[in-house]
Amino acid sequence: MNKKQFLNTYKKIDAMNQRETASTEKASLYRSEYDERLIKDFHYAKFQKNLDNAQKSEILKELLEKENWDETDTKKLLESLR
């Protein structure tokens, strides 16, 4: 293989790699920026609500202070997280 063929092969490989990256970058999870912002805001609000509920939960506080857990404690934990 001569030098010219060798360089052309590298150019073809680079062109193929650029096409593959361009096609993967275009695929978006959201239909629009507005949809993306709306969904992210919804998930953040849901997270904040769950965090607030966990911090105010007396059952969870009692369980965290307890050293040895039995099966009923595990059930209480699961019920409080629902």
N, C-alpha and C. Protein backbone atom coordinates (compact mmCIF):
# COMPACT_ATOMS: atom_id res chain seq x y z
N MET A 1 0.86 -1.16 0.00
CA MET A 1 0.00 0.00 0.00
C MET A 1 0.91 1.23 0.00
N ASN A 2 0.62 2.12 -0.93
CA ASN A 2 1.46 3.31 -0.97
C ASN A 2 0.93 4.40 -0.03
N LYS A 3 1.68 5.46 0.08
CA LYS A 3 1.38 6.52 1.05
C LYS A 3 0.04 7.18 0.76
N LYS A 4 -0.27 7.41 -0.52
CA LYS A 4 -1.52 8.07 -0.90
C LYS A 4 -2.73 7.22 -0.53
N GLN A 5 -2.69 5.94 -0.79
CA GLN A 5 -3.79 5.05 -0.43
C GLN A 5 -3.96 4.99 1.09
N PHE A 6 -2.85 4.99 1.78
CA PHE A 6 -2.88 4.94 3.24
C PHE A 6 -3.59 6.18 3.81
N LEU A 7 -3.26 7.36 3.28
CA LEU A 7 -3.89 8.59 3.75
C LEU A 7 -5.37 8.64 3.38
N ASN A 8 -5.72 8.17 2.20
CA ASN A 8 -7.13 8.15 1.79
C ASN A 8 -7.95 7.22 2.69
N THR A 9 -7.36 6.13 3.11
CA THR A 9 -8.05 5.21 4.01
C THR A 9 -8.35 5.89 5.34
N TYR A 10 -7.38 6.63 5.89
CA TYR A 10 -7.61 7.36 7.12
C TYR A 10 -8.70 8.43 6.96
N LYS A 11 -8.72 9.10 5.80
CA LYS A 11 -9.75 10.11 5.56
C LYS A 11 -11.13 9.48 5.53
N LYS A 12 -11.26 8.31 4.92
CA LYS A 12 -12.54 7.61 4.85
C LYS A 12 -12.99 7.19 6.25
N ILE A 13 -12.06 6.71 7.05
CA ILE A 13 -12.41 6.28 8.41
C ILE A 13 -12.86 7.49 9.24
N ASP A 14 -12.17 8.61 9.12
CA ASP A 14 -12.57 9.83 9.84
C ASP A 14 -13.95 10.30 9.40
N ALA A 15 -14.23 10.23 8.10
CA ALA A 15 -15.54 10.66 7.59
C ALA A 15 -16.64 9.75 8.14
N MET A 16 -16.39 8.47 8.22
CA MET A 16 -17.37 7.54 8.77
C MET A 16 -17.62 7.83 10.24
N ASN A 17 -16.57 8.09 11.01
CA ASN A 17 -16.71 8.38 12.43
C ASN A 17 -17.50 9.67 12.65
N GLN A 18 -17.28 10.67 11.81
CA GLN A 18 -18.01 11.93 11.95
C GLN A 18 -19.49 11.75 11.64
N ARG A 19 -19.80 10.93 10.66
CA ARG A 19 -21.21 10.66 10.35
C ARG A 19 -21.90 9.95 11.50
N GLU A 20 -21.21 8.99 12.12
CA GLU A 20 -21.80 8.23 13.23
C GLU A 20 -22.05 9.14 14.42
N THR A 21 -21.11 10.02 14.76
CA THR A 21 -21.29 10.91 15.91
C THR A 21 -22.36 11.94 15.62
N ALA A 22 -22.47 12.41 14.40
CA ALA A 22 -23.50 13.39 14.05
C ALA A 22 -24.89 12.78 14.18
N SER A 23 -25.05 11.53 13.78
CA SER A 23 -26.36 10.89 13.86
C SER A 23 -26.75 10.60 15.31
N THR A 24 -25.80 10.30 16.18
CA THR A 24 -26.14 10.01 17.57
C THR A 24 -26.40 11.29 18.35
N GLU A 25 -25.80 12.40 17.97
CA GLU A 25 -26.01 13.65 18.69
C GLU A 25 -27.38 14.23 18.41
N LYS A 26 -27.96 13.94 17.26
CA LYS A 26 -29.25 14.51 16.88
C LYS A 26 -30.41 13.88 17.64
N ALA A 27 -30.25 12.66 18.09
CA ALA A 27 -31.33 11.98 18.79
C ALA A 27 -31.53 12.61 20.16
N SER A 28 -32.71 13.17 20.39
CA SER A 28 -33.01 13.84 21.64
C SER A 28 -34.07 13.06 22.40
N LEU A 29 -33.95 13.09 23.69
CA LEU A 29 -34.91 12.39 24.54
C LEU A 29 -36.23 13.15 24.62
N TYR A 30 -36.16 14.47 24.55
CA TYR A 30 -37.34 15.32 24.68
C TYR A 30 -37.74 15.89 23.32
N ARG A 31 -39.01 16.19 23.17
CA ARG A 31 -39.48 16.75 21.90
C ARG A 31 -39.08 18.21 21.72
N SER A 32 -39.03 18.94 22.84
CA SER A 32 -38.64 20.34 22.75
C SER A 32 -37.98 20.76 24.07
N GLU A 33 -37.39 21.94 24.07
CA GLU A 33 -36.77 22.44 25.30
C GLU A 33 -37.82 22.69 26.37
N TYR A 34 -39.01 23.12 25.95
CA TYR A 34 -40.10 23.36 26.90
C TYR A 34 -40.49 22.05 27.59
N ASP A 35 -40.62 20.97 26.82
CA ASP A 35 -40.95 19.67 27.40
C ASP A 35 -39.86 19.21 28.37
N GLU A 36 -38.61 19.42 27.99
CA GLU A 36 -37.51 19.03 28.86
C GLU A 36 -37.57 19.78 30.18
N ARG A 37 -37.78 21.08 30.13
CA ARG A 37 -37.84 21.90 31.35
C ARG A 37 -39.03 21.48 32.20
N LEU A 38 -40.18 21.24 31.56
CA LEU A 38 -41.39 20.85 32.28
C LEU A 38 -41.20 19.52 33.01
N ILE A 39 -40.63 18.55 32.35
CA ILE A 39 -40.42 17.23 32.94
C ILE A 39 -39.40 17.31 34.08
N LYS A 40 -38.33 18.06 33.87
CA LYS A 40 -37.32 18.19 34.92
C LYS A 40 -37.88 18.92 36.13
N ASP A 41 -38.69 19.95 35.91
CA ASP A 41 -39.32 20.66 37.03
C ASP A 41 -40.26 19.75 37.80
N PHE A 42 -41.01 18.92 37.07
CA PHE A 42 -41.92 17.98 37.72
C PHE A 42 -41.16 17.00 38.61
N HIS A 43 -40.06 16.44 38.09
CA HIS A 43 -39.28 15.48 38.87
C HIS A 43 -38.62 16.14 40.07
N TYR A 44 -38.18 17.38 39.91
CA TYR A 44 -37.57 18.09 41.03
C TYR A 44 -38.61 18.36 42.12
N ALA A 45 -39.80 18.76 41.73
CA ALA A 45 -40.87 19.00 42.70
C ALA A 45 -41.24 17.71 43.43
N LYS A 46 -41.29 16.62 42.70
CA LYS A 46 -41.60 15.32 43.31
C LYS A 46 -40.51 14.92 44.31
N PHE A 47 -39.25 15.16 43.93
CA PHE A 47 -38.14 14.87 44.83
C PHE A 47 -38.24 15.72 46.10
N GLN A 48 -38.54 17.01 45.95
CA GLN A 48 -38.65 17.90 47.11
C GLN A 48 -39.78 17.46 48.04
N LYS A 49 -40.89 17.02 47.46
CA LYS A 49 -42.02 16.55 48.26
C LYS A 49 -41.63 15.31 49.05
N ASN A 50 -40.96 14.36 48.40
CA ASN A 50 -40.54 13.14 49.08
C ASN A 50 -39.51 13.43 50.17
N LEU A 51 -38.61 14.36 49.91
CA LEU A 51 -37.61 14.75 50.90
C LEU A 51 -38.28 15.38 52.11
N ASP A 52 -39.24 16.25 51.86
CA ASP A 52 -39.96 16.91 52.95
C ASP A 52 -40.73 15.89 53.78
N ASN A 53 -41.39 14.95 53.11
CA ASN A 53 -42.13 13.91 53.83
C ASN A 53 -41.20 13.04 54.67
N ALA A 54 -40.04 12.72 54.15
CA ALA A 54 -39.08 11.89 54.88
C ALA A 54 -38.51 12.63 56.09
N GLN A 55 -38.27 13.92 55.95
CA GLN A 55 -37.71 14.68 57.06
C GLN A 55 -38.73 14.90 58.17
N LYS A 56 -40.01 14.96 57.84
CA LYS A 56 -41.04 15.20 58.85
C LYS A 56 -41.62 13.91 59.43
N SER A 57 -41.24 12.77 58.91
CA SER A 57 -41.80 11.50 59.34
C SER A 57 -41.26 11.09 60.71
N GLU A 58 -42.17 10.95 61.66
CA GLU A 58 -41.79 10.53 63.01
C GLU A 58 -41.38 9.05 63.02
N ILE A 59 -42.06 8.25 62.22
CA ILE A 59 -41.75 6.81 62.15
C ILE A 59 -40.32 6.61 61.66
N LEU A 60 -39.94 7.36 60.65
CA LEU A 60 -38.59 7.23 60.10
C LEU A 60 -37.54 7.68 61.12
N LYS A 61 -37.84 8.74 61.86
CA LYS A 61 -36.91 9.21 62.89
C LYS A 61 -36.70 8.16 63.98
N GLU A 62 -37.81 7.54 64.38
CA GLU A 62 -37.71 6.49 65.40
C GLU A 62 -36.88 5.31 64.91
N LEU A 63 -37.10 4.92 63.66
CA LEU A 63 -36.37 3.78 63.10
C LEU A 63 -34.88 4.08 62.96
N LEU A 64 -34.54 5.31 62.62
CA LEU A 64 -33.13 5.66 62.47
C LEU A 64 -32.39 5.65 63.80
N GLU A 65 -33.10 5.96 64.88
CA GLU A 65 -32.49 5.96 66.21
C GLU A 65 -32.37 4.56 66.79
N LYS A 66 -33.17 3.64 66.29
CA LYS A 66 -33.17 2.27 66.79
C LYS A 66 -31.95 1.51 66.27
N GLU A 67 -31.31 0.72 67.13
CA GLU A 67 -30.10 0.00 66.72
C GLU A 67 -30.40 -1.33 66.05
N ASN A 68 -31.21 -2.17 66.69
CA ASN A 68 -31.51 -3.51 66.15
C ASN A 68 -32.90 -3.52 65.55
N TRP A 69 -32.96 -3.83 64.27
CA TRP A 69 -34.24 -3.87 63.57
C TRP A 69 -34.72 -5.30 63.44
N ASP A 70 -36.05 -5.45 63.51
CA ASP A 70 -36.64 -6.75 63.20
C ASP A 70 -37.51 -6.58 61.96
N GLU A 71 -38.26 -7.60 61.63
CA GLU A 71 -39.04 -7.57 60.39
C GLU A 71 -40.15 -6.53 60.43
N THR A 72 -40.74 -6.30 61.59
CA THR A 72 -41.80 -5.28 61.67
C THR A 72 -41.23 -3.88 61.42
N ASP A 73 -40.00 -3.64 61.85
CA ASP A 73 -39.37 -2.34 61.59
C ASP A 73 -39.14 -2.14 60.10
N THR A 74 -38.74 -3.18 59.43
CA THR A 74 -38.54 -3.10 57.98
C THR A 74 -39.85 -2.82 57.27
N LYS A 75 -40.92 -3.46 57.72
CA LYS A 75 -42.23 -3.21 57.13
C LYS A 75 -42.68 -1.77 57.37
N LYS A 76 -42.42 -1.25 58.58
CA LYS A 76 -42.76 0.15 58.88
C LYS A 76 -41.99 1.09 57.97
N LEU A 77 -40.73 0.80 57.73
CA LEU A 77 -39.91 1.64 56.86
C LEU A 77 -40.48 1.66 55.44
N LEU A 78 -40.80 0.49 54.93
CA LEU A 78 -41.35 0.40 53.57
C LEU A 78 -42.70 1.13 53.45
N GLU A 79 -43.53 1.01 54.48
CA GLU A 79 -44.82 1.69 54.46
C GLU A 79 -44.64 3.20 54.52
N SER A 80 -43.67 3.66 55.28
CA SER A 80 -43.47 5.11 55.39
C SER A 80 -42.90 5.70 54.12
N LEU A 81 -42.19 4.90 53.34
CA LEU A 81 -41.60 5.40 52.09
C LEU A 81 -42.58 5.37 50.92
N ARG A 82 -43.69 4.72 51.08
CA ARG A 82 -44.68 4.66 49.98
C ARG A 82 -45.42 5.91 49.84
